[in-house]
Amino acid sequence: MLPLKVIVGMSLQLGFSVATTTILCVFGGHWLDEKLGTNYLFWIGLALGLIISLYLVWKIVQPLQAIARGEK
């Protein structure tokens, strides 16, 4: 069983990385839309932010899965 501080730390890391990545990509897409006069970069930023967030979640959860299986 994992200690409580490890669980809390991983939860905070997951939440922060997902929220920050998605928000930055969405605001970046919106900013580019306004600068370039387009209306699709917001959606590209949203999709990119979600894809990067899923990748970060996968990288954070991998070590936890190894610990749960008893690997080092």
C-alpha atoms as a PDB file:
ATOM      1  CA  MET A   1       0.000   0.000   0.000  1.00  0.00           C
ATOM      2  CA  LEU A   2       1.240   3.454  -0.867  1.00  0.00           C
ATOM      3  CA  PRO A   3       1.731   6.054   1.844  1.00  0.00           C
ATOM      4  CA  LEU A   4      -0.841   8.825   2.007  1.00  0.00           C
ATOM      5  CA  LYS A   5       1.703  11.530   1.110  1.00  0.00           C
ATOM      6  CA  VAL A   6       2.566   9.687  -2.139  1.00  0.00           C
ATOM      7  CA  ILE A   7      -1.110   9.421  -3.080  1.00  0.00           C
ATOM      8  CA  VAL A   8      -1.753  13.095  -2.307  1.00  0.00           C
ATOM      9  CA  GLY A   9       1.379  14.168  -4.184  1.00  0.00           C
ATOM     10  CA  MET A  10       0.472  12.175  -7.275  1.00  0.00           C
ATOM     11  CA  SER A  11      -3.102  13.496  -7.190  1.00  0.00           C
ATOM     12  CA  LEU A  12      -1.885  17.080  -7.023  1.00  0.00           C
ATOM     13  CA  GLN A  13       0.620  16.456  -9.801  1.00  0.00           C
ATOM     14  CA  LEU A  14      -2.062  14.915 -12.013  1.00  0.00           C
ATOM     15  CA  GLY A  15      -4.518  17.742 -11.458  1.00  0.00           C
ATOM     16  CA  PHE A  16      -1.969  20.489 -11.904  1.00  0.00           C
ATOM     17  CA  SER A  17      -0.435  19.038 -15.055  1.00  0.00           C
ATOM     18  CA  VAL A  18      -3.796  18.401 -16.733  1.00  0.00           C
ATOM     19  CA  ALA A  19      -5.258  21.801 -15.835  1.00  0.00           C
ATOM     20  CA  THR A  20      -2.149  23.813 -16.677  1.00  0.00           C
ATOM     21  CA  THR A  21      -1.494  22.122 -20.006  1.00  0.00           C
ATOM     22  CA  THR A  22      -5.083  22.381 -21.184  1.00  0.00           C
ATOM     23  CA  ILE A  23      -5.505  25.999 -20.086  1.00  0.00           C
ATOM     24  CA  LEU A  24      -2.230  27.120 -21.677  1.00  0.00           C
ATOM     25  CA  CYS A  25      -3.031  25.453 -25.000  1.00  0.00           C
ATOM     26  CA  VAL A  26      -6.583  26.825 -25.071  1.00  0.00           C
ATOM     27  CA  PHE A  27      -5.479  30.373 -24.268  1.00  0.00           C
ATOM     28  CA  GLY A  28      -2.653  30.078 -26.789  1.00  0.00           C
ATOM     29  CA  GLY A  29      -5.100  29.004 -29.490  1.00  0.00           C
ATOM     30  CA  HIS A  30      -7.495  31.817 -28.577  1.00  0.00           C
ATOM     31  CA  TRP A  31      -4.683  34.365 -28.629  1.00  0.00           C
ATOM     32  CA  LEU A  32      -3.528  33.157 -32.050  1.00  0.00           C
ATOM     33  CA  ASP A  33      -7.119  33.296 -33.318  1.00  0.00           C
ATOM     34  CA  GLU A  34      -7.348  36.949 -32.325  1.00  0.00           C
ATOM     35  CA  LYS A  35      -3.920  37.838 -33.747  1.00  0.00           C
ATOM     36  CA  LEU A  36      -4.401  36.021 -37.058  1.00  0.00           C
ATOM     37  CA  GLY A  37      -8.135  36.617 -37.485  1.00  0.00           C
ATOM     38  CA  THR A  38      -8.984  32.918 -37.654  1.00  0.00           C
ATOM     39  CA  ASN A  39     -11.566  30.901 -35.757  1.00  0.00           C
ATOM     40  CA  TYR A  40     -10.147  27.364 -35.639  1.00  0.00           C
ATOM     41  CA  LEU A  41      -6.909  27.615 -33.644  1.00  0.00           C
ATOM     42  CA  PHE A  42      -8.842  27.604 -30.367  1.00  0.00           C
ATOM     43  CA  TRP A  43     -10.097  24.106 -31.191  1.00  0.00           C
ATOM     44  CA  ILE A  44      -6.653  22.952 -32.257  1.00  0.00           C
ATOM     45  CA  GLY A  45      -5.279  24.292 -28.969  1.00  0.00           C
ATOM     46  CA  LEU A  46      -7.982  22.457 -27.039  1.00  0.00           C
ATOM     47  CA  ALA A  47      -7.281  19.176 -28.844  1.00  0.00           C
ATOM     48  CA  LEU A  48      -3.524  19.588 -28.412  1.00  0.00           C
ATOM     49  CA  GLY A  49      -3.945  20.386 -24.715  1.00  0.00           C
ATOM     50  CA  LEU A  50      -6.071  17.294 -24.144  1.00  0.00           C
ATOM     51  CA  ILE A  51      -3.657  15.040 -26.040  1.00  0.00           C
ATOM     52  CA  ILE A  52      -0.680  16.354 -24.083  1.00  0.00           C
ATOM     53  CA  SER A  53      -2.648  16.001 -20.835  1.00  0.00           C
ATOM     54  CA  LEU A  54      -3.432  12.366 -21.589  1.00  0.00           C
ATOM     55  CA  TYR A  55       0.246  11.733 -22.285  1.00  0.00           C
ATOM     56  CA  LEU A  56       1.240  13.368 -18.989  1.00  0.00           C
ATOM     57  CA  VAL A  57      -1.327  11.304 -17.078  1.00  0.00           C
ATOM     58  CA  TRP A  58       0.062   8.153 -18.676  1.00  0.00           C
ATOM     59  CA  LYS A  59       3.648   9.117 -17.702  1.00  0.00           C
ATOM     60  CA  ILE A  60       2.593   9.873 -14.116  1.00  0.00           C
ATOM     61  CA  VAL A  61       0.527   6.697 -13.663  1.00  0.00           C
ATOM     62  CA  GLN A  62       3.145   4.306 -15.100  1.00  0.00           C
ATOM     63  CA  PRO A  63       5.391   4.346 -11.992  1.00  0.00           C
ATOM     64  CA  LEU A  64       2.342   3.824  -9.766  1.00  0.00           C
ATOM     65  CA  GLN A  65       1.377   0.750 -11.764  1.00  0.00           C
ATOM     66  CA  ALA A  66       4.903  -0.617 -11.401  1.00  0.00           C
ATOM     67  CA  ILE A  67       4.768  -0.080  -7.635  1.00  0.00           C
ATOM     68  CA  ALA A  68       1.385  -1.778  -7.437  1.00  0.00           C
ATOM     69  CA  ARG A  69       2.758  -4.811  -9.312  1.00  0.00           C
ATOM     70  CA  GLY A  70       5.763  -4.946  -7.003  1.00  0.00           C
ATOM     71  CA  GLU A  71       8.322  -3.948  -9.638  1.00  0.00           C
ATOM     72  CA  LYS A  72      11.005  -1.359  -9.091  1.00  0.00           C
END
